[in-house]
Amino acid sequence: MFTHNLKYTLKILFKNKILIFWTFAFPIILGTLFNMAFADIEKNEQLNTLDIAIIKTNEFKDSLYETTFKNLSQGDKPMFNIKYTDEQTAIEWLQNKEISGYLIVEEDERIVINQNGIEATILKQVVDEIKQTKKMLQNVPNQSQAKDIYFKVMNNVESPSNIKNITRANLSYTMIEFYTLIAMTCLYGGILGMYVVNQNLANMSSNGKRVSITPIKKIKIILSSVLASYIAQLIGLVLLFLYTVCFLKIDYGDNWLLVFLLSLLGSLAGLTFGIAIAAIFRTNENNKTGIIIAFTMLCCFLSGMMGISMKYIVDKHTPIINKLNPANMITDGFYSLYYYDTLDRFYFNIISLAIFSLIMITISLLSLRRQKYDSI
């Protein structure tokens, strides 16, 4: 009977178009929209080599400026692409937007830029650093020797000017959206859990009335139904992973075993939450579905789905909310895998999801045991 009901429930779930949409189609659609919205954000914000001009002056020659900028214009991907010219030509280049700005070193240093922005900030920062170094060297008793040491250090550093990405390939703030998408999919599995439990409640469905009068143990029917919904939920989650990895080229890292473990417990948390909603609330199926969707979207919002800064705001001001938020437990589990060298935080989230699931199961059992019917 257990196996028969398992197969029967799976067939029912996959024939329900509304359930299939929310647990299978909607996450894929939302993931596609995320990819369309955020695909070019980081590409546009990457730091590229800056085109600048430097006006040749006597003060610039054989100075800290010449040595530093020479060093910063070398390597495979240098910080600056420098053109040495006169001021009139530099003004023309600036007007034609061929350069981001130019530098004149005379008695004082003067930077002329086309517009404010990150490029102007970088150029100003470099000049300010050189000015501070000059002041520091002026306080050294033997300035000539100090300058020689500075020149040797700058000339012997191996490719110090290269613009490098020292983060892991999968560290991307747009990945937060996909982490929350996985969390949302896990919690949406609660709709499946709610549905199968409703199908076994006498006050919710005709099938539940038939189940309640059969001589078969109810625990077997409920467990097989819940297992069927869990299998269906995991199938939807696997499809989402395959779609985001193969088609959207999302990198979840190399530790797929821990990703799988996190997904299993996240799905279990969503499933048990749906079962608890079905057991507690004495209302129709549509209202229960609305409660699950509203709760899921609120949790995902607080964990950063609609704005990546929201997670940090909540963590800073009311951290207890995110510690109780199952969507944040899943999202934070992904963070801990890729942002931290240790797994302490990851296992904390794993244990939190397990405790959340246990609490939901306990609430469901207590609620279902108290349900009695005067008539069916």
Protein backbone atom coordinates (compact mmCIF):
# COMPACT_ATOMS: atom_id res chain seq x y z
CA MET A 1 0.00 0.00 0.00
CA PHE A 2 2.86 2.39 0.79
CA THR A 3 4.40 2.00 -2.69
CA HIS A 4 1.04 2.14 -4.42
CA ASN A 5 0.08 5.39 -2.71
CA LEU A 6 3.54 6.83 -3.42
CA LYS A 7 3.15 6.26 -7.16
CA TYR A 8 -0.46 7.44 -7.09
CA THR A 9 0.44 10.69 -5.30
CA LEU A 10 3.32 11.40 -7.72
CA LYS A 11 0.95 11.07 -10.66
CA ILE A 12 -1.54 13.44 -9.04
CA LEU A 13 1.17 16.03 -8.28
CA PHE A 14 2.58 16.07 -11.80
CA LYS A 15 -0.92 16.40 -13.29
CA ASN A 16 -1.69 19.48 -11.17
CA LYS A 17 -0.80 22.44 -13.41
CA ILE A 18 -0.88 25.05 -10.65
CA LEU A 19 1.52 23.08 -8.46
CA ILE A 20 3.83 22.43 -11.40
CA PHE A 21 3.89 26.14 -12.24
CA TRP A 22 4.83 27.36 -8.76
CA THR A 23 7.38 24.64 -8.01
CA PHE A 24 8.87 24.02 -11.47
CA ALA A 25 8.15 26.81 -13.97
CA PHE A 26 8.10 29.95 -11.80
CA PRO A 27 11.65 29.55 -10.37
CA ILE A 28 13.03 28.96 -13.89
CA ILE A 29 11.20 32.02 -15.24
CA LEU A 30 12.44 34.14 -12.34
CA GLY A 31 16.00 32.84 -12.80
CA THR A 32 15.86 33.83 -16.48
CA LEU A 33 14.71 37.33 -15.53
CA PHE A 34 17.51 37.61 -12.96
CA ASN A 35 20.05 36.63 -15.59
CA MET A 36 18.67 39.17 -18.09
CA ALA A 37 18.67 41.92 -15.46
CA PHE A 38 22.08 41.31 -13.89
CA ALA A 39 24.14 39.73 -16.68
CA ASP A 40 25.98 42.92 -17.68
CA ILE A 41 26.13 44.67 -14.31
CA GLU A 42 29.50 43.32 -13.18
CA LYS A 43 30.98 43.50 -16.67
CA ASN A 44 30.22 47.21 -16.77
CA GLU A 45 31.70 47.71 -13.30
CA GLN A 46 34.98 45.93 -13.94
CA LEU A 47 38.08 48.10 -13.61
CA ASN A 48 39.72 48.54 -17.01
CA THR A 49 43.02 50.19 -17.95
CA LEU A 50 42.64 53.97 -17.81
CA ASP A 51 43.78 56.15 -20.70
CA ILE A 52 45.51 59.26 -19.36
CA ALA A 53 47.97 61.88 -20.60
CA ILE A 54 50.91 63.34 -18.74
CA ILE A 55 52.36 66.70 -19.68
CA LYS A 56 56.14 66.59 -19.99
CA THR A 57 57.71 69.07 -17.61
CA ASN A 58 61.09 69.41 -15.96
CA GLU A 59 59.50 68.73 -12.58
CA PHE A 60 58.06 65.44 -13.82
CA LYS A 61 61.30 64.11 -15.23
CA ASP A 62 63.33 61.86 -12.87
CA SER A 63 60.77 62.35 -10.11
CA LEU A 64 58.67 60.04 -8.00
CA TYR A 65 55.83 60.71 -10.44
CA GLU A 66 57.76 59.46 -13.45
CA THR A 67 58.92 56.30 -11.68
CA THR A 68 55.52 55.49 -10.21
CA PHE A 69 53.49 56.09 -13.38
CA LYS A 70 56.03 54.20 -15.46
CA ASN A 71 55.61 51.24 -13.16
CA LEU A 72 51.81 51.52 -13.18
CA SER A 73 51.75 51.41 -16.98
CA GLN A 74 53.54 48.07 -17.27
CA GLY A 75 52.34 44.48 -17.17
CA ASP A 76 49.73 42.41 -18.97
CA LYS A 77 46.88 44.56 -17.73
CA PRO A 78 48.33 47.82 -16.44
CA MET A 79 46.45 50.37 -14.42
CA PHE A 80 47.24 53.23 -16.81
CA ASN A 81 47.80 53.60 -20.53
CA ILE A 82 49.92 56.77 -20.57
CA LYS A 83 50.41 59.22 -23.44
CA TYR A 84 53.12 61.87 -23.00
CA THR A 85 52.29 65.12 -24.77
CA ASP A 86 51.84 68.89 -24.39
CA GLU A 87 48.88 70.49 -22.65
CA GLN A 88 47.14 71.73 -25.80
CA THR A 89 47.05 68.25 -27.30
CA ALA A 90 45.93 66.79 -23.98
CA ILE A 91 43.00 69.24 -23.89
CA GLU A 92 41.94 68.14 -27.39
CA TRP A 93 42.17 64.46 -26.41
CA LEU A 94 40.12 65.16 -23.30
CA GLN A 95 37.43 66.98 -25.28
CA ASN A 96 37.26 64.08 -27.75
CA LYS A 97 37.06 61.63 -24.81
CA GLU A 98 40.20 59.83 -25.96
CA ILE A 99 41.56 60.07 -22.41
CA SER A 100 39.99 60.16 -18.96
CA GLY A 101 42.18 63.00 -17.75
CA TYR A 102 45.69 64.41 -17.73
CA LEU A 103 48.32 65.32 -15.15
CA ILE A 104 50.63 68.31 -14.98
CA VAL A 105 53.49 68.27 -12.49
CA GLU A 106 55.02 71.70 -11.95
CA GLU A 107 55.42 73.43 -8.63
CA ASP A 108 52.14 71.83 -7.69
CA GLU A 109 50.37 68.83 -9.13
CA ARG A 110 47.26 69.50 -11.22
CA ILE A 111 44.76 66.93 -12.47
CA VAL A 112 42.30 67.79 -15.24
CA ILE A 113 39.45 65.32 -15.84
CA ASN A 114 36.54 65.01 -18.23
CA GLN A 115 33.96 64.04 -15.60
CA ASN A 116 33.77 62.75 -12.06
CA GLY A 117 33.69 59.01 -11.54
CA ILE A 118 35.76 55.99 -10.60
CA GLU A 119 38.45 56.78 -13.20
CA ALA A 120 38.99 60.27 -11.79
CA THR A 121 39.01 58.88 -8.26
CA ILE A 122 41.71 56.33 -9.12
CA LEU A 123 43.93 58.93 -10.77
CA LYS A 124 43.53 61.32 -7.84
CA GLN A 125 44.22 58.53 -5.36
CA VAL A 126 47.48 57.61 -7.07
CA VAL A 127 48.62 61.25 -7.16
CA ASP A 128 47.71 61.70 -3.48
CA GLU A 129 49.74 58.61 -2.56
CA ILE A 130 52.76 59.98 -4.42
CA LYS A 131 52.38 63.35 -2.67
CA GLN A 132 52.30 61.63 0.72
CA THR A 133 55.41 59.65 -0.19
CA LYS A 134 57.18 62.88 -1.17
CA LYS A 135 56.35 64.45 2.18
CA MET A 136 57.56 61.35 3.99
CA LEU A 137 60.86 61.40 2.09
CA GLN A 138 61.34 65.08 2.91
CA ASN A 139 61.57 64.15 6.59
CA VAL A 140 64.27 61.55 5.94
CA PRO A 141 67.80 62.85 6.69
CA ASN A 142 69.36 61.28 3.61
CA GLN A 143 66.73 62.06 0.95
CA SER A 144 68.88 60.97 -1.98
CA GLN A 145 69.37 57.50 -0.51
CA ALA A 146 65.68 57.27 0.39
CA LYS A 147 64.68 58.10 -3.19
CA ASP A 148 67.09 55.51 -4.54
CA ILE A 149 65.49 52.88 -2.30
CA TYR A 150 62.00 53.93 -3.45
CA PHE A 151 63.03 53.74 -7.12
CA LYS A 152 64.57 50.30 -6.66
CA VAL A 153 61.48 48.99 -4.89
CA MET A 154 59.14 50.30 -7.59
CA ASN A 155 61.30 49.00 -10.41
CA ASN A 156 61.82 45.52 -8.93
CA VAL A 157 58.29 44.66 -7.87
CA GLU A 158 57.04 41.93 -10.18
CA SER A 159 54.02 43.28 -12.11
CA PRO A 160 52.69 45.43 -9.24
CA SER A 161 50.45 47.43 -11.55
CA ASN A 162 48.44 44.58 -13.01
CA ILE A 163 44.74 44.77 -12.34
CA LYS A 164 43.93 41.41 -10.81
CA ASN A 165 40.76 39.77 -9.63
CA ILE A 166 41.85 38.10 -6.41
CA THR A 167 38.41 36.78 -5.55
CA ARG A 168 37.16 33.31 -6.36
CA ALA A 169 35.37 32.94 -9.66
CA ASN A 170 32.05 32.29 -7.94
CA LEU A 171 32.21 35.32 -5.62
CA SER A 172 29.71 37.69 -7.17
CA TYR A 173 27.16 39.90 -5.52
CA THR A 174 24.67 39.04 -8.28
CA MET A 175 24.96 35.44 -7.10
CA ILE A 176 22.98 36.52 -4.03
CA GLU A 177 19.91 36.67 -6.24
CA PHE A 178 20.42 33.08 -7.35
CA TYR A 179 21.06 31.93 -3.78
CA THR A 180 17.71 33.40 -2.76
CA LEU A 181 16.14 31.84 -5.84
CA ILE A 182 17.23 28.40 -4.62
CA ALA A 183 15.89 29.27 -1.16
CA MET A 184 12.56 30.35 -2.65
CA THR A 185 12.30 27.09 -4.62
CA CYS A 186 12.98 25.08 -1.47
CA LEU A 187 10.28 26.93 0.48
CA TYR A 188 7.80 26.71 -2.38
CA GLY A 189 7.97 22.97 -1.85
CA GLY A 190 5.70 23.73 1.08
CA ILE A 191 2.84 24.06 -1.43
CA LEU A 192 3.34 20.41 -2.35
CA GLY A 193 3.44 19.37 1.31
CA MET A 194 0.31 21.35 2.05
CA TYR A 195 -1.51 19.82 -0.94
CA VAL A 196 -0.79 16.18 -0.10
CA VAL A 197 -1.78 16.67 3.53
CA ASN A 198 -5.04 18.34 2.46
CA GLN A 199 -5.74 15.32 0.27
CA ASN A 200 -5.65 13.17 3.41
CA LEU A 201 -7.76 15.40 5.67
CA ALA A 202 -11.45 14.51 5.85
CA ASN A 203 -12.52 18.15 6.22
CA MET A 204 -10.50 19.27 3.19
CA SER A 205 -11.17 16.80 0.38
CA SER A 206 -13.29 13.89 -0.77
CA ASN A 207 -10.17 11.77 -0.91
CA GLY A 208 -9.53 12.60 2.74
CA LYS A 209 -13.01 11.35 3.65
CA ARG A 210 -12.33 8.03 1.95
CA VAL A 211 -8.93 7.75 3.64
CA SER A 212 -10.42 8.39 7.07
CA ILE A 213 -12.83 5.46 6.82
CA THR A 214 -10.41 2.92 5.37
CA PRO A 215 -8.98 0.23 7.70
CA ILE A 216 -5.43 1.02 6.51
CA LYS A 217 -3.12 2.78 8.92
CA LYS A 218 -3.25 6.53 8.22
CA ILE A 219 0.43 7.00 9.03
CA LYS A 220 1.44 4.92 6.01
CA ILE A 221 -0.72 6.92 3.65
CA ILE A 222 0.46 10.26 4.99
CA LEU A 223 4.14 9.28 4.99
CA SER A 224 3.97 7.94 1.43
CA SER A 225 2.18 11.10 0.31
CA VAL A 226 4.74 13.35 2.00
CA LEU A 227 7.60 11.33 0.51
CA ALA A 228 6.05 11.70 -2.94
CA SER A 229 5.83 15.47 -2.53
CA TYR A 230 9.46 15.58 -1.33
CA ILE A 231 10.59 13.61 -4.41
CA ALA A 232 8.62 15.94 -6.69
CA GLN A 233 10.15 18.96 -4.95
CA LEU A 234 13.69 17.62 -5.38
CA ILE A 235 13.04 16.93 -9.07
CA GLY A 236 12.03 20.59 -9.52
CA LEU A 237 15.13 21.72 -7.64
CA VAL A 238 17.41 19.54 -9.76
CA LEU A 239 15.84 20.95 -12.93
CA LEU A 240 16.47 24.48 -11.63
CA PHE A 241 20.12 23.68 -10.88
CA LEU A 242 20.58 22.12 -14.32
CA TYR A 243 18.98 25.11 -16.02
CA THR A 244 20.99 27.74 -14.14
CA VAL A 245 24.28 25.85 -14.50
CA CYS A 246 23.97 24.64 -18.11
CA PHE A 247 22.05 27.51 -19.71
CA LEU A 248 22.62 30.55 -17.47
CA LYS A 249 26.23 29.53 -16.66
CA ILE A 250 25.83 30.09 -12.91
CA ASP A 251 28.74 28.76 -10.88
CA TYR A 252 27.76 27.31 -7.51
CA GLY A 253 31.31 26.17 -6.78
CA ASP A 254 32.99 22.79 -6.76
CA ASN A 255 31.72 21.39 -3.47
CA TRP A 256 28.53 19.88 -4.87
CA LEU A 257 28.19 17.41 -2.01
CA LEU A 258 27.63 20.22 0.49
CA VAL A 259 25.44 22.10 -1.99
CA PHE A 260 23.32 18.95 -2.29
CA LEU A 261 23.16 18.57 1.50
CA LEU A 262 22.07 22.18 1.92
CA SER A 263 19.43 21.77 -0.79
CA LEU A 264 18.07 18.58 0.81
CA LEU A 265 17.61 20.21 4.20
CA GLY A 266 16.31 23.43 2.66
CA SER A 267 13.68 21.45 0.76
CA LEU A 268 12.79 19.55 3.92
CA ALA A 269 12.31 22.84 5.77
CA GLY A 270 9.98 24.11 3.06
CA LEU A 271 8.05 20.85 2.92
CA THR A 272 7.51 20.62 6.67
CA PHE A 273 6.45 24.28 6.79
CA GLY A 274 3.75 23.54 4.22
CA ILE A 275 2.60 20.52 6.21
CA ALA A 276 2.38 22.68 9.34
CA ILE A 277 0.29 25.27 7.50
CA ALA A 278 -2.05 22.52 6.26
CA ALA A 279 -2.41 21.12 9.78
CA ILE A 280 -2.85 24.38 11.68
CA PHE A 281 -5.14 26.52 9.51
CA ARG A 282 -8.77 25.49 9.03
CA THR A 283 -9.30 27.23 5.72
CA ASN A 284 -9.48 26.35 2.04
CA GLU A 285 -6.53 25.31 -0.13
CA ASN A 286 -6.22 28.65 -1.94
CA ASN A 287 -5.85 30.55 1.32
CA LYS A 288 -3.21 28.12 2.55
CA THR A 289 -1.32 28.49 -0.72
CA GLY A 290 -1.48 32.28 -0.33
CA ILE A 291 -0.06 32.03 3.20
CA ILE A 292 2.86 29.88 2.01
CA ILE A 293 3.66 32.16 -0.94
CA ALA A 294 3.42 35.32 1.19
CA PHE A 295 5.64 33.85 3.91
CA THR A 296 8.16 32.61 1.32
CA MET A 297 8.42 35.96 -0.47
CA LEU A 298 8.77 37.84 2.83
CA CYS A 299 11.58 35.50 3.92
CA CYS A 300 13.32 35.84 0.54
CA PHE A 301 12.96 39.63 0.65
CA LEU A 302 14.63 39.77 4.07
CA SER A 303 17.42 37.49 2.83
CA GLY A 304 18.23 39.77 -0.13
CA MET A 305 16.14 38.73 -3.14
CA MET A 306 14.67 42.18 -3.94
CA GLY A 307 17.78 44.06 -2.85
CA ILE A 308 21.11 42.63 -1.80
CA SER A 309 21.56 45.27 0.89
CA MET A 310 18.43 44.13 2.76
CA LYS A 311 20.19 41.06 4.18
CA TYR A 312 22.95 43.20 5.66
CA ILE A 313 20.47 45.74 7.05
CA VAL A 314 18.56 43.00 8.85
CA ASP A 315 21.78 41.33 10.04
CA LYS A 316 22.98 44.65 11.44
CA HIS A 317 19.83 45.90 13.17
CA THR A 318 17.73 42.82 13.94
CA PRO A 319 19.93 39.73 13.44
CA ILE A 320 17.47 37.49 15.30
CA ILE A 321 15.04 37.76 12.35
CA ASN A 322 17.49 36.24 9.90
CA LYS A 323 18.49 33.58 12.38
CA LEU A 324 14.86 32.45 12.42
CA ASN A 325 14.36 32.97 8.68
CA PRO A 326 14.59 29.63 6.78
CA ALA A 327 15.29 31.39 3.47
CA ASN A 328 18.21 33.19 5.09
CA MET A 329 19.49 29.91 6.53
CA ILE A 330 19.69 28.51 2.99
CA THR A 331 21.14 31.69 1.48
CA ASP A 332 23.63 32.09 4.29
CA GLY A 333 24.63 28.47 3.84
CA PHE A 334 25.69 29.27 0.28
CA TYR A 335 27.53 32.37 1.52
CA SER A 336 29.46 30.37 4.04
CA LEU A 337 30.56 27.87 1.38
CA TYR A 338 32.10 30.51 -0.85
CA TYR A 339 32.94 33.47 1.38
CA TYR A 340 34.54 31.67 4.31
CA ASP A 341 37.47 29.32 4.59
CA THR A 342 35.91 27.26 7.37
CA LEU A 343 32.63 25.33 7.41
CA ASP A 344 31.56 26.37 10.91
CA ARG A 345 28.96 28.83 9.65
CA PHE A 346 27.75 26.36 7.01
CA TYR A 347 27.09 23.65 9.60
CA PHE A 348 25.39 26.19 11.84
CA ASN A 349 22.89 26.85 9.03
CA ILE A 350 22.52 23.13 8.36
CA ILE A 351 21.68 22.49 12.02
CA SER A 352 19.32 25.49 12.04
CA LEU A 353 17.41 24.07 9.06
CA ALA A 354 17.20 20.68 10.74
CA ILE A 355 15.84 22.25 13.95
CA PHE A 356 13.34 24.33 11.96
CA SER A 357 12.10 21.18 10.19
CA LEU A 358 11.83 19.29 13.49
CA ILE A 359 9.79 22.11 15.03
CA MET A 360 7.44 22.18 12.02
CA ILE A 361 6.99 18.38 12.18
CA THR A 362 6.24 18.54 15.92
CA ILE A 363 3.67 21.30 15.40
CA SER A 364 2.05 19.32 12.59
CA LEU A 365 1.82 16.11 14.61
CA LEU A 366 0.33 17.86 17.63
CA SER A 367 -2.21 19.66 15.46
CA LEU A 368 -3.23 16.58 13.47
CA ARG A 369 -3.61 14.41 16.58
CA ARG A 370 -6.11 16.87 18.07
CA GLN A 371 -8.33 16.86 14.99
CA LYS A 372 -11.59 14.94 15.45
CA TYR A 373 -14.72 14.88 13.35
CA ASP A 374 -18.27 14.50 14.66
CA SER A 375 -19.38 13.43 11.21
CA ILE A 376 -17.86 13.01 7.73
